[in-house]
Amino acid sequence: MKIQLLFFGIAKDLAGKSSIYYDVKENTTVASLKANLITNYSGLKNSHEFAIALNEEYADNEVVLKENDVVAIIPPVSGG
C-alpha cells in the first residue's frame, strides 16, 4: 500500500527529498516504518529519535498505517 512521507529539517537533508510516496506492507506500524527507513535511507539511522506525525497528529510506535496516510518525519529540535 502507498503512503506519503514528508521530511522536515535535517530529515529532509538526510533523505535528499522533502516528500515521497512510499510503499509499505499492510499492517505496518510506525516502528516498522522507522526500521524500514533506516534500511533504505542510511542517513536516517537515528530515526528512532524522530517524532512521527500521522495525518497531522503525533503517533506512537504501535499505530498501524493505512493506505494514503500522510506521515511526517520530524527531527528533534533544540533551542538556544
C-alpha atoms as a PDB file:
ATOM      1  CA  MET A   1       0.000   0.000   0.000  1.00  0.00           C
ATOM      2  CA  LYS A   2       1.141   3.531  -0.656  1.00  0.00           C
ATOM      3  CA  ILE A   3       1.683   6.297   1.904  1.00  0.00           C
ATOM      4  CA  GLN A   4       3.170   9.770   1.573  1.00  0.00           C
ATOM      5  CA  LEU A   5       6.254  10.692   3.588  1.00  0.00           C
ATOM      6  CA  LEU A   6       7.054  14.309   4.386  1.00  0.00           C
ATOM      7  CA  PHE A   7      10.568  15.084   5.617  1.00  0.00           C
ATOM      8  CA  PHE A   8      11.304  18.156   7.742  1.00  0.00           C
ATOM      9  CA  GLY A   9      14.504  19.808   8.997  1.00  0.00           C
ATOM     10  CA  ILE A  10      17.594  17.620   8.921  1.00  0.00           C
ATOM     11  CA  ALA A  11      15.469  14.624   7.872  1.00  0.00           C
ATOM     12  CA  LYS A  12      14.844  16.424   4.561  1.00  0.00           C
ATOM     13  CA  ASP A  13      18.587  16.838   4.053  1.00  0.00           C
ATOM     14  CA  LEU A  14      19.330  13.233   5.005  1.00  0.00           C
ATOM     15  CA  ALA A  15      16.636  11.800   2.733  1.00  0.00           C
ATOM     16  CA  GLY A  16      17.509  14.188  -0.079  1.00  0.00           C
ATOM     17  CA  LYS A  17      13.827  14.994  -0.646  1.00  0.00           C
ATOM     18  CA  SER A  18      11.014  16.817   1.081  1.00  0.00           C
ATOM     19  CA  SER A  19       8.227  14.437   0.066  1.00  0.00           C
ATOM     20  CA  ILE A  20       7.907  10.975  -1.476  1.00  0.00           C
ATOM     21  CA  TYR A  21       5.292   8.308  -1.988  1.00  0.00           C
ATOM     22  CA  TYR A  22       6.409   5.126  -0.263  1.00  0.00           C
ATOM     23  CA  ASP A  23       5.195   1.535  -0.434  1.00  0.00           C
ATOM     24  CA  VAL A  24       4.677  -0.388   2.802  1.00  0.00           C
ATOM     25  CA  LYS A  25       3.032  -3.709   3.610  1.00  0.00           C
ATOM     26  CA  GLU A  26      -0.414  -3.844   5.162  1.00  0.00           C
ATOM     27  CA  ASN A  27      -0.410  -3.729   8.981  1.00  0.00           C
ATOM     28  CA  THR A  28       2.883  -1.796   9.043  1.00  0.00           C
ATOM     29  CA  THR A  29       3.349   0.040  12.332  1.00  0.00           C
ATOM     30  CA  VAL A  30       5.155   3.318  12.866  1.00  0.00           C
ATOM     31  CA  ALA A  31       8.006   1.338  14.493  1.00  0.00           C
ATOM     32  CA  SER A  32       8.264  -0.909  11.421  1.00  0.00           C
ATOM     33  CA  LEU A  33       8.275   2.129   9.156  1.00  0.00           C
ATOM     34  CA  LYS A  34      11.171   3.634  11.130  1.00  0.00           C
ATOM     35  CA  ALA A  35      13.163   0.393  10.768  1.00  0.00           C
ATOM     36  CA  ASN A  36      12.374   0.302   7.051  1.00  0.00           C
ATOM     37  CA  LEU A  37      13.518   3.904   6.603  1.00  0.00           C
ATOM     38  CA  ILE A  38      16.830   3.141   8.335  1.00  0.00           C
ATOM     39  CA  THR A  39      17.385   0.295   5.861  1.00  0.00           C
ATOM     40  CA  ASN A  40      16.508   2.344   2.782  1.00  0.00           C
ATOM     41  CA  TYR A  41      17.896   5.729   3.852  1.00  0.00           C
ATOM     42  CA  SER A  42      21.111   5.162   5.789  1.00  0.00           C
ATOM     43  CA  GLY A  43      21.244   8.852   6.731  1.00  0.00           C
ATOM     44  CA  LEU A  44      18.134   8.330   8.840  1.00  0.00           C
ATOM     45  CA  LYS A  45      19.874   5.835  11.145  1.00  0.00           C
ATOM     46  CA  ASN A  46      18.785   7.902  14.156  1.00  0.00           C
ATOM     47  CA  SER A  47      15.159   7.990  13.039  1.00  0.00           C
ATOM     48  CA  HIS A  48      14.119   6.320  16.300  1.00  0.00           C
ATOM     49  CA  GLU A  49      14.754   9.777  17.801  1.00  0.00           C
ATOM     50  CA  PHE A  50      12.448  11.471  15.288  1.00  0.00           C
ATOM     51  CA  ALA A  51       8.825  12.273  16.038  1.00  0.00           C
ATOM     52  CA  ILE A  52       6.247  10.872  13.661  1.00  0.00           C
ATOM     53  CA  ALA A  53       3.049  12.687  12.815  1.00  0.00           C
ATOM     54  CA  LEU A  54       0.353  10.682  11.088  1.00  0.00           C
ATOM     55  CA  ASN A  55      -2.245  12.748   9.250  1.00  0.00           C
ATOM     56  CA  GLU A  56      -1.174  15.846  11.220  1.00  0.00           C
ATOM     57  CA  GLU A  57      -1.281  14.193  14.678  1.00  0.00           C
ATOM     58  CA  TYR A  58       1.663  12.750  16.584  1.00  0.00           C
ATOM     59  CA  ALA A  59       1.667   8.942  16.511  1.00  0.00           C
ATOM     60  CA  ASP A  60       3.126   6.292  18.825  1.00  0.00           C
ATOM     61  CA  ASN A  61       5.243   3.402  17.530  1.00  0.00           C
ATOM     62  CA  GLU A  62       2.321   0.957  17.831  1.00  0.00           C
ATOM     63  CA  VAL A  63      -0.002   2.847  15.456  1.00  0.00           C
ATOM     64  CA  VAL A  64      -0.801   0.898  12.261  1.00  0.00           C
ATOM     65  CA  LEU A  65      -0.523   2.768   8.971  1.00  0.00           C
ATOM     66  CA  LYS A  66      -3.328   2.802   6.397  1.00  0.00           C
ATOM     67  CA  GLU A  67      -3.438   3.353   2.635  1.00  0.00           C
ATOM     68  CA  ASN A  68      -2.902   7.019   1.672  1.00  0.00           C
ATOM     69  CA  ASP A  69      -1.754   8.085   5.149  1.00  0.00           C
ATOM     70  CA  VAL A  70       0.476  11.154   5.251  1.00  0.00           C
ATOM     71  CA  VAL A  71       3.434  10.584   7.560  1.00  0.00           C
ATOM     72  CA  ALA A  72       5.660  13.472   8.645  1.00  0.00           C
ATOM     73  CA  ILE A  73       9.201  12.695   9.819  1.00  0.00           C
ATOM     74  CA  ILE A  74      10.094  15.390  12.359  1.00  0.00           C
ATOM     75  CA  PRO A  75      13.631  15.512  13.791  1.00  0.00           C
ATOM     76  CA  PRO A  76      14.299  16.556  17.370  1.00  0.00           C
ATOM     77  CA  VAL A  77      14.507  20.311  17.858  1.00  0.00           C
ATOM     78  CA  SER A  78      16.868  22.069  20.198  1.00  0.00           C
ATOM     79  CA  GLY A  79      16.652  25.609  21.403  1.00  0.00           C
ATOM     80  CA  GLY A  80      19.277  28.007  22.399  1.00  0.00           C
END
